[in-house]
Amino acid sequence: MASALDIVGGPTQIRVLRVPGALYRWKVQNGTAEQHVYVQIADALKPDTFEEPLRSAIESKGESVLRKLLGRGSVPIRIKITSAGITEVGIDHCARPCSV
């Protein structure tokens, strides 16, 4: 029996010197396993200067993007939000543009 993916914690800000911008960790319940998803938001991004979907992605610390991806049945390892757009990194560790 497949169980629904659900956000069970976050966002928790993580202070990392090597990563430019803000880094947040979300906890996702995937069946009996708990997985962490990391969301990196570039420093210079302010929600009011962007259109959707970047605006809500920045405001919600990536939750809006994460919910859409979970709705599709995928749990990324990392989501990167920059002025160029939204990128997701899956379990294959390949970065790809996120179509939200």
PDB file of N, CA and C in Angstrom:
ATOM      1  N   MET A   1       0.836  -1.173   0.000  1.00  0.00           N
ATOM      2  CA  MET A   1       0.000   0.000   0.000  1.00  0.00           C
ATOM      3  C   MET A   1       0.884   1.241   0.000  1.00  0.00           C
ATOM      4  N   ALA A   2       0.767   2.083  -1.005  1.00  0.00           N
ATOM      5  CA  ALA A   2       1.561   3.303  -1.095  1.00  0.00           C
ATOM      6  C   ALA A   2       0.943   4.387  -0.231  1.00  0.00           C
ATOM      7  N   SER A   3       1.770   5.070   0.524  1.00  0.00           N
ATOM      8  CA  SER A   3       1.253   6.142   1.356  1.00  0.00           C
ATOM      9  C   SER A   3       1.591   7.481   0.719  1.00  0.00           C
ATOM     10  N   ALA A   4       0.789   8.484   1.020  1.00  0.00           N
ATOM     11  CA  ALA A   4       0.991   9.805   0.435  1.00  0.00           C
ATOM     12  C   ALA A   4       2.235  10.460   1.014  1.00  0.00           C
ATOM     13  N   LEU A   5       2.874  11.261   0.198  1.00  0.00           N
ATOM     14  CA  LEU A   5       4.011  12.041   0.658  1.00  0.00           C
ATOM     15  C   LEU A   5       3.472  13.243   1.415  1.00  0.00           C
ATOM     16  N   ASP A   6       4.110  13.571   2.540  1.00  0.00           N
ATOM     17  CA  ASP A   6       3.596  14.652   3.362  1.00  0.00           C
ATOM     18  C   ASP A   6       4.747  15.410   4.009  1.00  0.00           C
ATOM     19  N   ILE A   7       4.628  16.726   4.081  1.00  0.00           N
ATOM     20  CA  ILE A   7       5.621  17.550   4.778  1.00  0.00           C
ATOM     21  C   ILE A   7       5.330  17.440   6.267  1.00  0.00           C
ATOM     22  N   VAL A   8       6.332  17.033   7.047  1.00  0.00           N
ATOM     23  CA  VAL A   8       6.141  16.858   8.487  1.00  0.00           C
ATOM     24  C   VAL A   8       6.994  17.810   9.313  1.00  0.00           C
ATOM     25  N   GLY A   9       7.836  18.595   8.676  1.00  0.00           N
ATOM     26  CA  GLY A   9       8.657  19.540   9.425  1.00  0.00           C
ATOM     27  C   GLY A   9       9.334  20.545   8.526  1.00  0.00           C
ATOM     28  N   GLY A  10       9.602  21.709   9.097  1.00  0.00           N
ATOM     29  CA  GLY A  10      10.326  22.738   8.361  1.00  0.00           C
ATOM     30  C   GLY A  10       9.480  23.975   8.160  1.00  0.00           C
ATOM     31  N   PRO A  11      10.065  25.003   7.645  1.00  0.00           N
ATOM     32  CA  PRO A  11      11.455  25.067   7.231  1.00  0.00           C
ATOM     33  C   PRO A  11      12.374  25.359   8.414  1.00  0.00           C
ATOM     34  N   THR A  12      13.504  24.711   8.455  1.00  0.00           N
ATOM     35  CA  THR A  12      14.535  24.967   9.439  1.00  0.00           C
ATOM     36  C   THR A  12      15.708  25.580   8.700  1.00  0.00           C
ATOM     37  N   GLN A  13      16.080  26.805   9.085  1.00  0.00           N
ATOM     38  CA  GLN A  13      17.205  27.438   8.402  1.00  0.00           C
ATOM     39  C   GLN A  13      18.506  26.802   8.874  1.00  0.00           C
ATOM     40  N   ILE A  14      19.377  26.544   7.925  1.00  0.00           N
ATOM     41  CA  ILE A  14      20.670  25.933   8.206  1.00  0.00           C
ATOM     42  C   ILE A  14      21.740  26.943   7.823  1.00  0.00           C
ATOM     43  N   ARG A  15      22.635  27.205   8.744  1.00  0.00           N
ATOM     44  CA  ARG A  15      23.718  28.154   8.472  1.00  0.00           C
ATOM     45  C   ARG A  15      24.925  27.385   7.934  1.00  0.00           C
ATOM     46  N   VAL A  16      25.245  27.631   6.664  1.00  0.00           N
ATOM     47  CA  VAL A  16      26.374  26.980   6.012  1.00  0.00           C
ATOM     48  C   VAL A  16      27.186  28.057   5.309  1.00  0.00           C
ATOM     49  N   LEU A  17      28.460  28.140   5.629  1.00  0.00           N
ATOM     50  CA  LEU A  17      29.297  29.190   5.050  1.00  0.00           C
ATOM     51  C   LEU A  17      29.594  28.966   3.573  1.00  0.00           C
ATOM     52  N   ARG A  18      29.674  27.722   3.145  1.00  0.00           N
ATOM     53  CA  ARG A  18      30.064  27.425   1.762  1.00  0.00           C
ATOM     54  C   ARG A  18      28.925  27.615   0.764  1.00  0.00           C
ATOM     55  N   VAL A  19      27.715  27.761   1.234  1.00  0.00           N
ATOM     56  CA  VAL A  19      26.559  27.865   0.337  1.00  0.00           C
ATOM     57  C   VAL A  19      26.102  29.321   0.271  1.00  0.00           C
ATOM     58  N   PRO A  20      26.158  29.925  -0.927  1.00  0.00           N
ATOM     59  CA  PRO A  20      25.665  31.300  -1.041  1.00  0.00           C
ATOM     60  C   PRO A  20      24.144  31.340  -0.932  1.00  0.00           C
ATOM     61  N   GLY A  21      23.645  32.287  -0.152  1.00  0.00           N
ATOM     62  CA  GLY A  21      22.199  32.405   0.011  1.00  0.00           C
ATOM     63  C   GLY A  21      21.716  31.719   1.274  1.00  0.00           C
ATOM     64  N   ALA A  22      20.406  31.597   1.382  1.00  0.00           N
ATOM     65  CA  ALA A  22      19.787  30.965   2.544  1.00  0.00           C
ATOM     66  C   ALA A  22      19.494  29.504   2.221  1.00  0.00           C
ATOM     67  N   LEU A  23      19.719  28.633   3.204  1.00  0.00           N
ATOM     68  CA  LEU A  23      19.472  27.205   3.023  1.00  0.00           C
ATOM     69  C   LEU A  23      18.477  26.751   4.081  1.00  0.00           C
ATOM     70  N   TYR A  24      17.412  26.078   3.633  1.00  0.00           N
ATOM     71  CA  TYR A  24      16.359  25.589   4.521  1.00  0.00           C
ATOM     72  C   TYR A  24      16.209  24.086   4.364  1.00  0.00           C
ATOM     73  N   ARG A  25      15.848  23.414   5.469  1.00  0.00           N
ATOM     74  CA  ARG A  25      15.612  21.971   5.413  1.00  0.00           C
ATOM     75  C   ARG A  25      14.141  21.703   5.727  1.00  0.00           C
ATOM     76  N   TRP A  26      13.534  20.885   4.885  1.00  0.00           N
ATOM     77  CA  TRP A  26      12.167  20.416   5.084  1.00  0.00           C
ATOM     78  C   TRP A  26      12.224  18.916   5.349  1.00  0.00           C
ATOM     79  N   LYS A  27      11.327  18.414   6.182  1.00  0.00           N
ATOM     80  CA  LYS A  27      11.226  16.971   6.422  1.00  0.00           C
ATOM     81  C   LYS A  27       9.970  16.458   5.741  1.00  0.00           C
ATOM     82  N   VAL A  28      10.145  15.375   4.976  1.00  0.00           N
ATOM     83  CA  VAL A  28       9.040  14.784   4.228  1.00  0.00           C
ATOM     84  C   VAL A  28       8.876  13.337   4.654  1.00  0.00           C
ATOM     85  N   GLN A  29       7.648  12.964   4.992  1.00  0.00           N
ATOM     86  CA  GLN A  29       7.337  11.566   5.317  1.00  0.00           C
ATOM     87  C   GLN A  29       7.023  10.850   4.014  1.00  0.00           C
ATOM     88  N   ASN A  30       7.808   9.822   3.713  1.00  0.00           N
ATOM     89  CA  ASN A  30       7.648   9.048   2.493  1.00  0.00           C
ATOM     90  C   ASN A  30       7.437   7.596   2.919  1.00  0.00           C
ATOM     91  N   GLY A  31       6.182   7.229   3.123  1.00  0.00           N
ATOM     92  CA  GLY A  31       5.894   5.899   3.676  1.00  0.00           C
ATOM     93  C   GLY A  31       6.389   5.840   5.102  1.00  0.00           C
ATOM     94  N   THR A  32       7.238   4.873   5.406  1.00  0.00           N
ATOM     95  CA  THR A  32       7.789   4.764   6.764  1.00  0.00           C
ATOM     96  C   THR A  32       9.095   5.541   6.907  1.00  0.00           C
ATOM     97  N   ALA A  33       9.621   6.058   5.810  1.00  0.00           N
ATOM     98  CA  ALA A  33      10.896   6.785   5.838  1.00  0.00           C
ATOM     99  C   ALA A  33      10.674   8.288   5.930  1.00  0.00           C
ATOM    100  N   GLU A  34      11.567   8.951   6.642  1.00  0.00           N
ATOM    101  CA  GLU A  34      11.570  10.406   6.689  1.00  0.00           C
ATOM    102  C   GLU A  34      12.746  10.887   5.852  1.00  0.00           C
ATOM    103  N   GLN A  35      12.474  11.747   4.882  1.00  0.00           N
ATOM    104  CA  GLN A  35      13.512  12.264   4.001  1.00  0.00           C
ATOM    105  C   GLN A  35      13.659  13.762   4.214  1.00  0.00           C
ATOM    106  N   HIS A  36      14.870  14.266   4.006  1.00  0.00           N
ATOM    107  CA  HIS A  36      15.126  15.696   4.094  1.00  0.00           C
ATOM    108  C   HIS A  36      15.242  16.263   2.690  1.00  0.00           C
ATOM    109  N   VAL A  37      14.647  17.422   2.495  1.00  0.00           N
ATOM    110  CA  VAL A  37      14.750  18.157   1.239  1.00  0.00           C
ATOM    111  C   VAL A  37      15.355  19.510   1.592  1.00  0.00           C
ATOM    112  N   TYR A  38      16.392  19.887   0.861  1.00  0.00           N
ATOM    113  CA  TYR A  38      17.071  21.151   1.116  1.00  0.00           C
ATOM    114  C   TYR A  38      16.682  22.161   0.043  1.00  0.00           C
ATOM    115  N   VAL A  39      16.355  23.374   0.495  1.00  0.00           N
ATOM    116  CA  VAL A  39      15.960  24.450  -0.414  1.00  0.00           C
ATOM    117  C   VAL A  39      16.959  25.585  -0.259  1.00  0.00           C
ATOM    118  N   GLN A  40      17.625  25.926  -1.356  1.00  0.00           N
ATOM    119  CA  GLN A  40      18.597  27.015  -1.358  1.00  0.00           C
ATOM    120  C   GLN A  40      17.991  28.186  -2.108  1.00  0.00           C
ATOM    121  N   ILE A  41      17.979  29.357  -1.463  1.00  0.00           N
ATOM    122  CA  ILE A  41      17.433  30.567  -2.079  1.00  0.00           C
ATOM    123  C   ILE A  41      18.551  31.594  -2.178  1.00  0.00           C
ATOM    124  N   ALA A  42      18.807  32.093  -3.374  1.00  0.00           N
ATOM    125  CA  ALA A  42      19.869  33.081  -3.591  1.00  0.00           C
ATOM    126  C   ALA A  42      19.643  34.304  -2.714  1.00  0.00           C
ATOM    127  N   ASP A  43      20.732  34.860  -2.199  1.00  0.00           N
ATOM    128  CA  ASP A  43      20.686  35.998  -1.272  1.00  0.00           C
ATOM    129  C   ASP A  43      19.928  37.206  -1.795  1.00  0.00           C
ATOM    130  N   ALA A  44      20.139  37.536  -3.047  1.00  0.00           N
ATOM    131  CA  ALA A  44      19.609  38.781  -3.596  1.00  0.00           C
ATOM    132  C   ALA A  44      18.116  38.735  -3.905  1.00  0.00           C
ATOM    133  N   LEU A  45      17.458  37.599  -3.732  1.00  0.00           N
ATOM    134  CA  LEU A  45      16.055  37.476  -4.145  1.00  0.00           C
ATOM    135  C   LEU A  45      15.101  38.042  -3.100  1.00  0.00           C
ATOM    136  N   LYS A  46      14.261  38.937  -3.550  1.00  0.00           N
ATOM    137  CA  LYS A  46      13.189  39.509  -2.726  1.00  0.00           C
ATOM    138  C   LYS A  46      11.874  39.196  -3.429  1.00  0.00           C
ATOM    139  N   PRO A  47      10.888  38.628  -2.727  1.00  0.00           N
ATOM    140  CA  PRO A  47       9.650  38.177  -3.368  1.00  0.00           C
ATOM    141  C   PRO A  47       8.936  39.241  -4.200  1.00  0.00           C
ATOM    142  N   ASP A  48       8.900  40.470  -3.695  1.00  0.00           N
ATOM    143  CA  ASP A  48       8.111  41.501  -4.373  1.00  0.00           C
ATOM    144  C   ASP A  48       8.697  41.949  -5.710  1.00  0.00           C
ATOM    145  N   THR A  49       9.891  41.497  -6.063  1.00  0.00           N
ATOM    146  CA  THR A  49      10.491  41.898  -7.343  1.00  0.00           C
ATOM    147  C   THR A  49      10.301  40.845  -8.434  1.00  0.00           C
ATOM    148  N   PHE A  50       9.605  39.737  -8.128  1.00  0.00           N
ATOM    149  CA  PHE A  50       9.446  38.650  -9.094  1.00  0.00           C
ATOM    150  C   PHE A  50       7.985  38.288  -9.311  1.00  0.00           C
ATOM    151  N   GLU A  51       7.721  37.697 -10.461  1.00  0.00           N
ATOM    152  CA  GLU A  51       6.396  37.175 -10.796  1.00  0.00           C
ATOM    153  C   GLU A  51       6.308  35.732 -10.312  1.00  0.00           C
ATOM    154  N   GLU A  52       5.114  35.156 -10.404  1.00  0.00           N
ATOM    155  CA  GLU A  52       4.920  33.746 -10.062  1.00  0.00           C
ATOM    156  C   GLU A  52       5.624  32.865 -11.081  1.00  0.00           C
ATOM    157  N   PRO A  53       6.107  31.714 -10.775  1.00  0.00           N
ATOM    158  CA  PRO A  53       6.054  31.024  -9.488  1.00  0.00           C
ATOM    159  C   PRO A  53       7.207  31.371  -8.551  1.00  0.00           C
ATOM    160  N   LEU A  54       8.168  32.222  -9.022  1.00  0.00           N
ATOM    161  CA  LEU A  54       9.294  32.570  -8.151  1.00  0.00           C
ATOM    162  C   LEU A  54       8.850  33.308  -6.898  1.00  0.00           C
ATOM    163  N   ARG A  55       7.871  34.214  -7.033  1.00  0.00           N
ATOM    164  CA  ARG A  55       7.425  34.998  -5.879  1.00  0.00           C
ATOM    165  C   ARG A  55       6.975  34.095  -4.727  1.00  0.00           C
ATOM    166  N   SER A  56       6.065  33.177  -4.977  1.00  0.00           N
ATOM    167  CA  SER A  56       5.575  32.326  -3.892  1.00  0.00           C
ATOM    168  C   SER A  56       6.636  31.326  -3.433  1.00  0.00           C
ATOM    169  N   ALA A  57       7.539  30.924  -4.331  1.00  0.00           N
ATOM    170  CA  ALA A  57       8.618  30.016  -3.937  1.00  0.00           C
ATOM    171  C   ALA A  57       9.544  30.687  -2.937  1.00  0.00           C
ATOM    172  N   ILE A  58       9.838  31.970  -3.147  1.00  0.00           N
ATOM    173  CA  ILE A  58      10.707  32.708  -2.232  1.00  0.00           C
ATOM    174  C   ILE A  58       9.984  32.968  -0.917  1.00  0.00           C
ATOM    175  N   GLU A  59       8.739  33.437  -0.987  1.00  0.00           N
ATOM    176  CA  GLU A  59       7.966  33.760   0.223  1.00  0.00           C
ATOM    177  C   GLU A  59       7.775  32.545   1.124  1.00  0.00           C
ATOM    178  N   SER A  60       7.520  31.391   0.524  1.00  0.00           N
ATOM    179  CA  SER A  60       7.217  30.197   1.324  1.00  0.00           C
ATOM    180  C   SER A  60       8.460  29.356   1.632  1.00  0.00           C
ATOM    181  N   LYS A  61       9.631  29.901   1.343  1.00  0.00           N
ATOM    182  CA  LYS A  61      10.899  29.184   1.574  1.00  0.00           C
ATOM    183  C   LYS A  61      10.942  27.875   0.802  1.00  0.00           C
ATOM    184  N   GLY A  62      10.302  27.863  -0.362  1.00  0.00           N
ATOM    185  CA  GLY A  62      10.311  26.688  -1.229  1.00  0.00           C
ATOM    186  C   GLY A  62       9.167  25.721  -0.993  1.00  0.00           C
ATOM    187  N   GLU A  63       8.314  25.996  -0.004  1.00  0.00           N
ATOM    188  CA  GLU A  63       7.219  25.058   0.295  1.00  0.00           C
ATOM    189  C   GLU A  63       6.261  24.909  -0.875  1.00  0.00           C
ATOM    190  N   SER A  64       5.966  26.009  -1.579  1.00  0.00           N
ATOM    191  CA  SER A  64       5.014  25.923  -2.691  1.00  0.00           C
ATOM    192  C   SER A  64       5.547  24.996  -3.787  1.00  0.00           C
ATOM    193  N   VAL A  65       6.848  25.073  -4.064  1.00  0.00           N
ATOM    194  CA  VAL A  65       7.467  24.205  -5.064  1.00  0.00           C
ATOM    195  C   VAL A  65       7.477  22.763  -4.567  1.00  0.00           C
ATOM    196  N   LEU A  66       7.868  22.584  -3.309  1.00  0.00           N
ATOM    197  CA  LEU A  66       7.942  21.239  -2.729  1.00  0.00           C
ATOM    198  C   LEU A  66       6.582  20.553  -2.754  1.00  0.00           C
ATOM    199  N   ARG A  67       5.523  21.259  -2.416  1.00  0.00           N
ATOM    200  CA  ARG A  67       4.178  20.663  -2.435  1.00  0.00           C
ATOM    201  C   ARG A  67       3.790  20.204  -3.840  1.00  0.00           C
ATOM    202  N   LYS A  68       4.128  20.994  -4.866  1.00  0.00           N
ATOM    203  CA  LYS A  68       3.807  20.595  -6.240  1.00  0.00           C
ATOM    204  C   LYS A  68       4.578  19.346  -6.641  1.00  0.00           C
ATOM    205  N   LEU A  69       5.851  19.274  -6.256  1.00  0.00           N
ATOM    206  CA  LEU A  69       6.653  18.098  -6.578  1.00  0.00           C
ATOM    207  C   LEU A  69       6.146  16.863  -5.832  1.00  0.00           C
ATOM    208  N   LEU A  70       5.763  17.030  -4.575  1.00  0.00           N
ATOM    209  CA  LEU A  70       5.220  15.907  -3.814  1.00  0.00           C
ATOM    210  C   LEU A  70       3.903  15.433  -4.416  1.00  0.00           C
ATOM    211  N   GLY A  71       3.114  16.371  -4.938  1.00  0.00           N
ATOM    212  CA  GLY A  71       1.862  16.021  -5.600  1.00  0.00           C
ATOM    213  C   GLY A  71       2.076  15.162  -6.832  1.00  0.00           C
ATOM    214  N   ARG A  72       3.228  15.300  -7.446  1.00  0.00           N
ATOM    215  CA  ARG A  72       3.580  14.487  -8.616  1.00  0.00           C
ATOM    216  C   ARG A  72       4.190  13.148  -8.205  1.00  0.00           C
ATOM    217  N   GLY A  73       4.445  12.986  -6.914  1.00  0.00           N
ATOM    218  CA  GLY A  73       4.997  11.724  -6.435  1.00  0.00           C
ATOM    219  C   GLY A  73       6.509  11.670  -6.382  1.00  0.00           C
ATOM    220  N   SER A  74       7.175  12.815  -6.505  1.00  0.00           N
ATOM    221  CA  SER A  74       8.637  12.807  -6.436  1.00  0.00           C
ATOM    222  C   SER A  74       9.126  13.628  -5.252  1.00  0.00           C
ATOM    223  N   VAL A  75      10.207  13.138  -4.635  1.00  0.00           N
ATOM    224  CA  VAL A  75      10.834  13.837  -3.520  1.00  0.00           C
ATOM    225  C   VAL A  75      12.245  14.219  -3.959  1.00  0.00           C
ATOM    226  N   PRO A  76      12.491  15.516  -4.199  1.00  0.00           N
ATOM    227  CA  PRO A  76      13.834  15.923  -4.607  1.00  0.00           C
ATOM    228  C   PRO A  76      14.784  15.934  -3.411  1.00  0.00           C
ATOM    229  N   ILE A  77      16.070  15.968  -3.695  1.00  0.00           N
ATOM    230  CA  ILE A  77      17.067  16.112  -2.637  1.00  0.00           C
ATOM    231  C   ILE A  77      17.265  17.592  -2.335  1.00  0.00           C
ATOM    232  N   ARG A  78      17.284  18.391  -3.398  1.00  0.00           N
ATOM    233  CA  ARG A  78      17.536  19.817  -3.248  1.00  0.00           C
ATOM    234  C   ARG A  78      16.723  20.592  -4.265  1.00  0.00           C
ATOM    235  N   ILE A  79      16.278  21.772  -3.851  1.00  0.00           N
ATOM    236  CA  ILE A  79      15.616  22.725  -4.735  1.00  0.00           C
ATOM    237  C   ILE A  79      16.424  24.007  -4.648  1.00  0.00           C
ATOM    238  N   LYS A  80      16.785  24.549  -5.796  1.00  0.00           N
ATOM    239  CA  LYS A  80      17.582  25.770  -5.837  1.00  0.00           C
ATOM    240  C   LYS A  80      16.756  26.852  -6.510  1.00  0.00           C
ATOM    241  N   ILE A  81      16.573  27.982  -5.825  1.00  0.00           N
ATOM    242  CA  ILE A  81      15.763  29.082  -6.342  1.00  0.00           C
ATOM    243  C   ILE A  81      16.688  30.276  -6.588  1.00  0.00           C
ATOM    244  N   THR A  82      16.824  30.648  -7.863  1.00  0.00           N
ATOM    245  CA  THR A  82      17.659  31.787  -8.248  1.00  0.00           C
ATOM    246  C   THR A  82      16.868  32.680  -9.193  1.00  0.00           C
ATOM    247  N   SER A  83      17.438  33.811  -9.555  1.00  0.00           N
ATOM    248  CA  SER A  83      16.746  34.708 -10.484  1.00  0.00           C
ATOM    249  C   SER A  83      16.583  34.064 -11.856  1.00  0.00           C
ATOM    250  N   ALA A  84      17.374  33.043 -12.154  1.00  0.00           N
ATOM    251  CA  ALA A  84      17.255  32.344 -13.436  1.00  0.00           C
ATOM    252  C   ALA A  84      16.116  31.328 -13.433  1.00  0.00           C
ATOM    253  N   GLY A  85      15.561  31.030 -12.267  1.00  0.00           N
ATOM    254  CA  GLY A  85      14.459  30.073 -12.184  1.00  0.00           C
ATOM    255  C   GLY A  85      14.632  29.092 -11.044  1.00  0.00           C
ATOM    256  N   ILE A  86      13.912  27.992 -11.132  1.00  0.00           N
ATOM    257  CA  ILE A  86      13.901  26.977 -10.079  1.00  0.00           C
ATOM    258  C   ILE A  86      14.491  25.698 -10.645  1.00  0.00           C
ATOM    259  N   THR A  87      15.439  25.128  -9.924  1.00  0.00           N
ATOM    260  CA  THR A  87      16.102  23.899 -10.337  1.00  0.00           C
ATOM    261  C   THR A  87      15.893  22.863  -9.247  1.00  0.00           C
ATOM    262  N   GLU A  88      15.666  21.615  -9.651  1.00  0.00           N
ATOM    263  CA  GLU A  88      15.549  20.537  -8.680  1.00  0.00           C
ATOM    264  C   GLU A  88      16.640  19.505  -8.926  1.00  0.00           C
ATOM    265  N   VAL A  89      17.113  18.900  -7.849  1.00  0.00           N
ATOM    266  CA  VAL A  89      18.084  17.826  -7.936  1.00  0.00           C
ATOM    267  C   VAL A  89      17.413  16.597  -7.352  1.00  0.00           C
ATOM    268  N   GLY A  90      17.306  15.553  -8.158  1.00  0.00           N
ATOM    269  CA  GLY A  90      16.648  14.325  -7.721  1.00  0.00           C
ATOM    270  C   GLY A  90      17.622  13.329  -7.136  1.00  0.00           C
ATOM    271  N   ILE A  91      17.132  12.120  -6.906  1.00  0.00           N
ATOM    272  CA  ILE A  91      17.976  11.093  -6.308  1.00  0.00           C
ATOM    273  C   ILE A  91      19.107  10.666  -7.239  1.00  0.00           C
ATOM    274  N   ASP A  92      19.002  11.009  -8.524  1.00  0.00           N
ATOM    275  CA  ASP A  92      20.083  10.704  -9.466  1.00  0.00           C
ATOM    276  C   ASP A  92      21.185  11.767  -9.424  1.00  0.00           C
ATOM    277  N   HIS A  93      21.009  12.784  -8.575  1.00  0.00           N
ATOM    278  CA  HIS A  93      21.960  13.881  -8.373  1.00  0.00           C
ATOM    279  C   HIS A  93      22.158  14.730  -9.622  1.00  0.00           C
ATOM    280  N   CYS A  94      21.241  14.670 -10.576  1.00  0.00           N
ATOM    281  CA  CYS A  94      21.289  15.518 -11.765  1.00  0.00           C
ATOM    282  C   CYS A  94      20.372  16.724 -11.564  1.00  0.00           C
ATOM    283  N   ALA A  95      20.893  17.909 -11.830  1.00  0.00           N
ATOM    284  CA  ALA A  95      20.088  19.132 -11.728  1.00  0.00           C
ATOM    285  C   ALA A  95      19.288  19.298 -12.999  1.00  0.00           C
ATOM    286  N   ARG A  96      18.026  19.684 -12.842  1.00  0.00           N
ATOM    287  CA  ARG A  96      17.166  19.917 -14.016  1.00  0.00           C
ATOM    288  C   ARG A  96      16.200  21.051 -13.673  1.00  0.00           C
ATOM    289  N   PRO A  97      15.811  21.821 -14.698  1.00  0.00           N
ATOM    290  CA  PRO A  97      14.834  22.884 -14.459  1.00  0.00           C
ATOM    291  C   PRO A  97      13.543  22.287 -13.889  1.00  0.00           C
ATOM    292  N   CYS A  98      12.974  22.982 -12.954  1.00  0.00           N
ATOM    293  CA  CYS A  98      11.751  22.512 -12.305  1.00  0.00           C
ATOM    294  C   CYS A  98      10.566  23.166 -12.982  1.00  0.00           C
ATOM    295  N   SER A  99       9.670  22.364 -13.511  1.00  0.00           N
ATOM    296  CA  SER A  99       8.497  22.914 -14.201  1.00  0.00           C
ATOM    297  C   SER A  99       7.314  22.975 -13.235  1.00  0.00           C
ATOM    298  N   VAL A 100       7.209  24.107 -12.540  1.00  0.00           N
ATOM    299  CA  VAL A 100       6.085  24.299 -11.611  1.00  0.00           C
ATOM    300  C   VAL A 100       5.165  25.376 -12.117  1.00  0.00           C
TER     301      VAL A 100
END
